[in-house]
Every structure is written in C-alpha cells, then in structure tokens.
C-alpha atoms as a PDB file:
ATOM      1  CA  MET A   1     -17.930 -23.559  36.701  1.00  0.00           C
ATOM      2  CA  GLY A   2     -15.530 -26.250  35.196  1.00  0.00           C
ATOM      3  CA  ALA A   3     -17.297 -29.291  37.404  1.00  0.00           C
ATOM      4  CA  VAL A   4     -20.239 -28.154  35.589  1.00  0.00           C
ATOM      5  CA  SER A   5     -18.575 -28.724  32.168  1.00  0.00           C
ATOM      6  CA  GLY A   6     -17.391 -31.968  33.673  1.00  0.00           C
ATOM      7  CA  VAL A   7     -21.056 -32.950  34.823  1.00  0.00           C
ATOM      8  CA  ARG A   8     -21.972 -32.071  30.998  1.00  0.00           C
ATOM      9  CA  ALA A   9     -19.421 -33.882  29.700  1.00  0.00           C
ATOM     10  CA  SER A  10     -19.667 -37.127  31.515  1.00  0.00           C
ATOM     11  CA  ARG A  11     -23.657 -37.139  30.807  1.00  0.00           C
ATOM     12  CA  SER A  12     -22.925 -36.562  27.244  1.00  0.00           C
ATOM     13  CA  SER A  13     -20.755 -39.469  27.431  1.00  0.00           C
ATOM     14  CA  LEU A  14     -22.859 -41.663  29.231  1.00  0.00           C
ATOM     15  CA  HIS A  15     -25.802 -40.679  27.039  1.00  0.00           C
ATOM     16  CA  ASP A  16     -23.684 -41.326  24.020  1.00  0.00           C
ATOM     17  CA  THR A  17     -22.706 -45.115  25.422  1.00  0.00           C
ATOM     18  CA  LEU A  18     -26.584 -45.772  26.219  1.00  0.00           C
ATOM     19  CA  TRP A  19     -26.962 -45.029  22.678  1.00  0.00           C
ATOM     20  CA  VAL A  20     -24.960 -47.139  21.447  1.00  0.00           C
ATOM     21  CA  MET A  21     -25.562 -50.061  23.529  1.00  0.00           C
ATOM     22  CA  ARG A  22     -29.475 -49.480  22.478  1.00  0.00           C
ATOM     23  CA  ARG A  23     -28.526 -49.325  18.935  1.00  0.00           C
ATOM     24  CA  ARG A  24     -26.357 -52.943  19.287  1.00  0.00           C
ATOM     25  CA  LEU A  25     -29.397 -54.263  21.596  1.00  0.00           C
ATOM     26  CA  ARG A  26     -31.690 -53.847  18.361  1.00  0.00           C
ATOM     27  CA  ARG A  27     -29.067 -55.417  15.678  1.00  0.00           C
ATOM     28  CA  LEU A  28     -28.648 -58.421  18.490  1.00  0.00           C
ATOM     29  CA  GLY A  29     -32.566 -58.802  18.598  1.00  0.00           C
ATOM     30  CA  ALA A  30     -33.206 -58.582  14.648  1.00  0.00           C
ATOM     31  CA  ARG A  31     -30.221 -61.110  14.161  1.00  0.00           C
ATOM     32  CA  ALA A  32     -31.936 -63.235  17.167  1.00  0.00           C
ATOM     33  CA  ARG A  33     -35.305 -63.158  15.137  1.00  0.00           C
ATOM     34  CA  SER A  34     -33.237 -64.141  11.824  1.00  0.00           C
ATOM     35  CA  TYR A  35     -31.919 -67.218  13.453  1.00  0.00           C
ATOM     36  CA  LEU A  36     -35.443 -68.334  15.410  1.00  0.00           C
ATOM     37  CA  LYS A  37     -36.546 -67.944  11.356  1.00  0.00           C
ATOM     38  CA  LEU A  38     -34.094 -71.157  10.643  1.00  0.00           C
ATOM     39  CA  LEU A  39     -35.759 -73.326  13.209  1.00  0.00           C
ATOM     40  CA  THR A  40     -39.074 -73.266  11.538  1.00  0.00           C
ATOM     41  CA  ILE A  41     -37.616 -74.368   7.781  1.00  0.00           C
ATOM     42  CA  SER A  42     -38.409 -77.411   6.414  1.00  0.00           C
ATOM     43  CA  PRO A  43     -35.759 -80.240   6.533  1.00  0.00           C
ATOM     44  CA  ALA A  44     -35.607 -79.843   2.235  1.00  0.00           C
ATOM     45  CA  GLU A  45     -34.943 -76.309   3.090  1.00  0.00           C
ATOM     46  CA  TRP A  46     -32.005 -77.421   5.385  1.00  0.00           C
ATOM     47  CA  ARG A  47     -30.771 -80.284   3.036  1.00  0.00           C
ATOM     48  CA  HIS A  48     -30.630 -77.004   0.570  1.00  0.00           C
ATOM     49  CA  LEU A  49     -28.900 -74.523   2.970  1.00  0.00           C
ATOM     50  CA  VAL A  50     -26.051 -77.435   3.957  1.00  0.00           C
ATOM     51  CA  ARG A  51     -25.476 -77.618  -0.099  1.00  0.00           C
ATOM     52  CA  ALA A  52     -25.563 -74.412  -0.413  1.00  0.00           C
ATOM     53  CA  GLN A  53     -22.577 -73.803   2.497  1.00  0.00           C
ATOM     54  CA  LEU A  54     -20.409 -76.466   1.041  1.00  0.00           C
ATOM     55  CA  SER A  55     -20.976 -74.784  -2.181  1.00  0.00           C
ATOM     56  CA  LEU A  56     -20.253 -71.269  -1.053  1.00  0.00           C
ATOM     57  CA  LEU A  57     -16.626 -73.341   0.380  1.00  0.00           C
ATOM     58  CA  HIS A  58     -15.344 -74.568  -2.157  1.00  0.00           C
ATOM     59  CA  ALA A  59     -16.392 -71.287  -4.370  1.00  0.00           C
ATOM     60  CA  ARG A  60     -13.994 -69.505  -1.920  1.00  0.00           C
ATOM     61  CA  TYR A  61     -11.502 -71.890  -2.516  1.00  0.00           C
ATOM     62  CA  LEU A  62     -11.406 -71.812  -5.759  1.00  0.00           C
ATOM     63  CA  LEU A  63     -11.588 -68.069  -5.795  1.00  0.00           C
ATOM     64  CA  SER A  64      -8.423 -68.112  -3.897  1.00  0.00           C
ATOM     65  CA  THR A  65      -6.302 -70.637  -5.586  1.00  0.00           C
ATOM     66  CA  ARG A  66      -7.332 -69.567  -8.922  1.00  0.00           C
ATOM     67  CA  GLU A  67      -5.168 -67.543 -11.001  1.00  0.00           C
ATOM     68  CA  THR A  68      -6.251 -64.166 -12.605  1.00  0.00           C
ATOM     69  CA  GLY A  69      -8.306 -65.355 -15.224  1.00  0.00           C
ATOM     70  CA  ALA A  70      -8.575 -68.461 -14.709  1.00  0.00           C
ATOM     71  CA  LEU A  71     -12.156 -68.348 -12.882  1.00  0.00           C
ATOM     72  CA  VAL A  72     -14.193 -67.578 -15.570  1.00  0.00           C
ATOM     73  CA  SER A  73     -14.307 -67.630 -19.348  1.00  0.00           C
ATOM     74  CA  PRO A  74     -16.458 -66.277 -21.653  1.00  0.00           C
ATOM     75  CA  HIS A  75     -19.612 -68.260 -22.377  1.00  0.00           C
ATOM     76  CA  GLU A  76     -19.559 -69.025 -26.401  1.00  0.00           C
ATOM     77  CA  GLY A  77     -22.243 -70.867 -27.901  1.00  0.00           C
ATOM     78  CA  GLU A  78     -26.033 -71.636 -27.048  1.00  0.00           C
ATOM     79  CA  THR A  79     -26.601 -71.572 -23.250  1.00  0.00           C
ATOM     80  CA  ALA A  80     -29.410 -74.649 -23.150  1.00  0.00           C
ATOM     81  CA  PRO A  81     -32.759 -73.212 -22.296  1.00  0.00           C
ATOM     82  CA  SER A  82     -33.654 -73.383 -18.832  1.00  0.00           C
ATOM     83  CA  ASP A  83     -37.089 -75.063 -18.194  1.00  0.00           C
ATOM     84  CA  SER A  84     -39.856 -72.773 -16.332  1.00  0.00           C
ATOM     85  CA  SER A  85     -41.169 -75.603 -14.485  1.00  0.00           C
ATOM     86  CA  ARG A  86     -37.712 -76.085 -12.409  1.00  0.00           C
ATOM     87  CA  LEU A  87     -37.882 -72.559 -11.578  1.00  0.00           C
ATOM     88  CA  PRO A  88     -39.434 -72.873  -8.175  1.00  0.00           C
ATOM     89  CA  HIS A  89     -36.512 -75.379  -7.248  1.00  0.00           C
ATOM     90  CA  ALA A  90     -33.797 -72.720  -8.838  1.00  0.00           C
ATOM     91  CA  ARG A  91     -35.307 -69.906  -6.280  1.00  0.00           C
ATOM     92  CA  ALA A  92     -35.196 -72.048  -2.963  1.00  0.00           C
ATOM     93  CA  LEU A  93     -31.586 -72.563  -3.983  1.00  0.00           C
ATOM     94  CA  ALA A  94     -31.040 -69.208  -4.582  1.00  0.00           C
ATOM     95  CA  LEU A  95     -32.565 -68.803  -1.103  1.00  0.00           C
ATOM     96  CA  ALA A  96     -30.701 -71.285   0.141  1.00  0.00           C
ATOM     97  CA  VAL A  97     -27.403 -69.850  -0.911  1.00  0.00           C
ATOM     98  CA  ARG A  98     -28.914 -66.076   0.575  1.00  0.00           C
ATOM     99  CA  ARG A  99     -29.171 -67.862   3.788  1.00  0.00           C
ATOM    100  CA  ALA A 100     -25.984 -69.765   4.121  1.00  0.00           C
ATOM    101  CA  SER A 101     -24.355 -66.323   3.302  1.00  0.00           C
ATOM    102  CA  ALA A 102     -26.148 -64.564   6.264  1.00  0.00           C
ATOM    103  CA  PHE A 103     -26.076 -67.415   8.532  1.00  0.00           C
ATOM    104  CA  GLY A 104     -23.099 -69.536   7.339  1.00  0.00           C
ATOM    105  CA  LEU A 105     -18.831 -70.096   8.425  1.00  0.00           C
ATOM    106  CA  ILE A 106     -18.135 -66.988   5.636  1.00  0.00           C
ATOM    107  CA  ARG A 107     -19.702 -63.932   4.555  1.00  0.00           C
ATOM    108  CA  PRO A 108     -18.916 -64.153   0.534  1.00  0.00           C
ATOM    109  CA  THR A 109     -18.669 -61.615  -2.095  1.00  0.00           C
ATOM    110  CA  CYS A 110     -21.688 -61.905  -4.901  1.00  0.00           C
ATOM    111  CA  LEU A 111     -19.100 -63.999  -7.330  1.00  0.00           C
ATOM    112  CA  VAL A 112     -18.364 -66.357  -4.781  1.00  0.00           C
ATOM    113  CA  LYS A 113     -21.902 -66.299  -4.149  1.00  0.00           C
ATOM    114  CA  SER A 114     -22.872 -66.622  -8.023  1.00  0.00           C
ATOM    115  CA  MET A 115     -20.497 -69.630  -8.215  1.00  0.00           C
ATOM    116  CA  ALA A 116     -21.867 -71.305  -5.885  1.00  0.00           C
ATOM    117  CA  LEU A 117     -25.418 -71.229  -7.323  1.00  0.00           C
ATOM    118  CA  VAL A 118     -24.263 -71.907 -10.363  1.00  0.00           C
ATOM    119  CA  SER A 119     -22.770 -75.112  -9.207  1.00  0.00           C
ATOM    120  CA  LEU A 120     -25.829 -76.034  -7.399  1.00  0.00           C
ATOM    121  CA  LEU A 121     -28.238 -75.399 -10.311  1.00  0.00           C
ATOM    122  CA  GLU A 122     -25.512 -77.826 -12.605  1.00  0.00           C
ATOM    123  CA  ARG A 123     -25.475 -80.208  -9.956  1.00  0.00           C
ATOM    124  CA  ASP A 124     -28.888 -80.695  -9.702  1.00  0.00           C
ATOM    125  CA  GLY A 125     -29.596 -80.774 -13.696  1.00  0.00           C
ATOM    126  CA  LEU A 126     -31.138 -77.310 -14.153  1.00  0.00           C
ATOM    127  CA  ALA A 127     -29.279 -76.687 -17.368  1.00  0.00           C
ATOM    128  CA  GLY A 128     -29.785 -72.891 -18.301  1.00  0.00           C
ATOM    129  CA  GLY A 129     -28.392 -70.592 -15.007  1.00  0.00           C
ATOM    130  CA  ARG A 130     -26.127 -68.065 -16.425  1.00  0.00           C
ATOM    131  CA  MET A 131     -23.846 -66.028 -14.168  1.00  0.00           C
ATOM    132  CA  ARG A 132     -23.952 -62.173 -15.338  1.00  0.00           C
ATOM    133  CA  ILE A 133     -21.039 -59.315 -14.442  1.00  0.00           C
ATOM    134  CA  GLY A 134     -21.589 -55.712 -14.992  1.00  0.00           C
ATOM    135  CA  VAL A 135     -20.426 -52.608 -14.007  1.00  0.00           C
ATOM    136  CA  ARG A 136     -21.423 -49.089 -12.790  1.00  0.00           C
ATOM    137  CA  ASP A 137     -20.196 -46.383 -12.385  1.00  0.00           C
ATOM    138  CA  ARG A 138     -21.200 -44.457  -8.584  1.00  0.00           C
ATOM    139  CA  SER A 139     -19.380 -40.893  -8.033  1.00  0.00           C
ATOM    140  CA  GLY A 140     -16.367 -41.559 -10.663  1.00  0.00           C
ATOM    141  CA  THR A 141     -15.730 -45.397  -8.914  1.00  0.00           C
ATOM    142  CA  VAL A 142     -16.297 -48.181 -11.463  1.00  0.00           C
ATOM    143  CA  GLU A 143     -18.321 -51.045  -9.065  1.00  0.00           C
ATOM    144  CA  ALA A 144     -18.591 -54.344 -10.524  1.00  0.00           C
ATOM    145  CA  HIS A 145     -21.556 -56.956  -9.805  1.00  0.00           C
ATOM    146  CA  ALA A 146     -22.523 -60.657 -10.605  1.00  0.00           C
ATOM    147  CA  TRP A 147     -25.622 -62.604 -10.450  1.00  0.00           C
ATOM    148  CA  VAL A 148     -27.445 -65.817 -11.667  1.00  0.00           C
ATOM    149  CA  GLU A 149     -29.950 -65.853 -13.580  1.00  0.00           C
ATOM    150  CA  TYR A 150     -32.437 -68.952 -14.491  1.00  0.00           C
ATOM    151  CA  GLY A 151     -34.349 -68.439 -17.957  1.00  0.00           C
ATOM    152  CA  GLU A 152     -35.632 -64.479 -17.979  1.00  0.00           C
ATOM    153  CA  GLU A 153     -35.560 -64.192 -14.319  1.00  0.00           C
ATOM    154  CA  VAL A 154     -32.808 -62.577 -11.604  1.00  0.00           C
ATOM    155  CA  ILE A 155     -32.417 -64.961  -8.884  1.00  0.00           C
ATOM    156  CA  GLY A 156     -30.306 -64.774  -5.357  1.00  0.00           C
ATOM    157  CA  ASP A 157     -30.320 -61.181  -6.363  1.00  0.00           C
ATOM    158  CA  PHE A 158     -32.522 -58.308  -6.182  1.00  0.00           C
ATOM    159  CA  GLU A 159     -34.134 -57.586  -9.963  1.00  0.00           C
ATOM    160  CA  ASP A 160     -33.838 -53.490  -9.439  1.00  0.00           C
ATOM    161  CA  HIS A 161     -29.985 -53.749  -7.950  1.00  0.00           C
ATOM    162  CA  VAL A 162     -29.015 -56.050 -11.058  1.00  0.00           C
ATOM    163  CA  ALA A 163     -30.680 -52.958 -13.576  1.00  0.00           C
ATOM    164  CA  SER A 164     -28.007 -50.748 -11.945  1.00  0.00           C
ATOM    165  CA  PHE A 165     -25.510 -52.366 -13.748  1.00  0.00           C
ATOM    166  CA  THR A 166     -24.678 -52.192 -17.521  1.00  0.00           C
ATOM    167  CA  GLU A 167     -23.775 -56.311 -18.384  1.00  0.00           C
ATOM    168  CA  LEU A 168     -20.377 -56.718 -19.760  1.00  0.00           C
ATOM    169  CA  THR A 169     -20.715 -60.143 -20.851  1.00  0.00           C
ATOM    170  CA  ASP A 170     -22.112 -64.131 -20.334  1.00  0.00           C
ATOM    171  CA  VAL A 171     -19.677 -66.060 -18.776  1.00  0.00           C
ATOM    172  CA  ARG A 172     -19.226 -69.530 -17.364  1.00  0.00           C
ATOM    173  CA  LEU A 173     -16.989 -70.974 -14.850  1.00  0.00           C
ATOM    174  CA  VAL A 174     -14.164 -72.678 -15.882  1.00  0.00           C
ATOM    175  CA  ARG A 175     -13.847 -76.704 -14.792  1.00  0.00           C
ATOM    176  CA  LYS A 176     -10.811 -78.373 -13.971  1.00  0.00           C
ATOM    177  CA  GLY A 177      -8.962 -79.605 -17.273  1.00  0.00           C
ATOM    178  CA  ASP A 178     -11.051 -77.179 -19.510  1.00  0.00           C
ATOM    179  CA  GLY A 179      -8.529 -75.421 -21.612  1.00  0.00           C
END
C-alpha cells in the first residue's frame, strides 16, 4: 500500500511540474511575441523609445536622490493650455514610455513613469501636460497612483483605472534651483 501512495505522489508531483512548465512556456511565448512586435515599429518610434528609456532612468535617479518632499510641489496658477492638434504626438510619447517600461532596463513605478512622460512632453514643447496624484481605499489599505493628463485626456494610463482614484492635487516637478 505504501508503494501505491508513493506512485500517486510522484505522479502528482510530475503533474504539478509539467503544469508549471506549461505555464512558463506560455508566458515566454507571449513575451517573445511582444518583443517581435518591437521589430515592426518605425524609426521615429524607436527614437521615442530610446528617449523614453533615458527619461525613465533619469526620473528614477531623481526619485532616489531627492529628499522626501523635494521632488514635486503643488502646481499653483494656470496650466498652459494644451494644443489638441499635438495630442497624437503626446500619445506617441506615452506609448514610448509604456513600451520602455515593459521592455527596458527597469520596471518603473507609476510615479517614475509620470515624471518621465511629463519631462518628455516639456522637452518636445507640448505645454499643458499635468501630472496627477490620487489615492483610493482598497480593503482598508490606502493605495496611491500617479498619471499624466494632456488636455482633458489621460495619456499613458487607462481612463477606468485612473477613475478609481480620488485626485489629491495637481503637482509639478521641482526643477534644480526651484525654491
């Protein structure tokens, strides 16, 4: 009877191992398909992707070197109006940040992604991009999230995800030398 139990246990163990391997192969296949999609993007999209990766690295560096409270400040005054004709360019930059986040050197937080996207928008002369920070209560745990809006549209994030957060304030990045 003990031998039968041992065979069942080994079959169960083998089944579990095969199931785990099958799941890992599926994930690997999905990841490979995603990487293959990168081969089809245009030279302009590659430039955006490289710039987004550099911007993410810079934002991560700023986040790790600045003192708590010295990274963002409440945005006071009027935000420059966004140019709706430039919205496709803003969306392209947001896509580049999303791709660099998924396939790049680091897996950044939402704050780092938002900082990088706002910096790219500013560098490309796209006035009107705003970083937003919100919170929500999830089963007694407070969760925070950062996202970017250009005009009235959320870019680089999902509208329904952002809608689940209560916005705290409109913030701006504090640049070196700002008071």
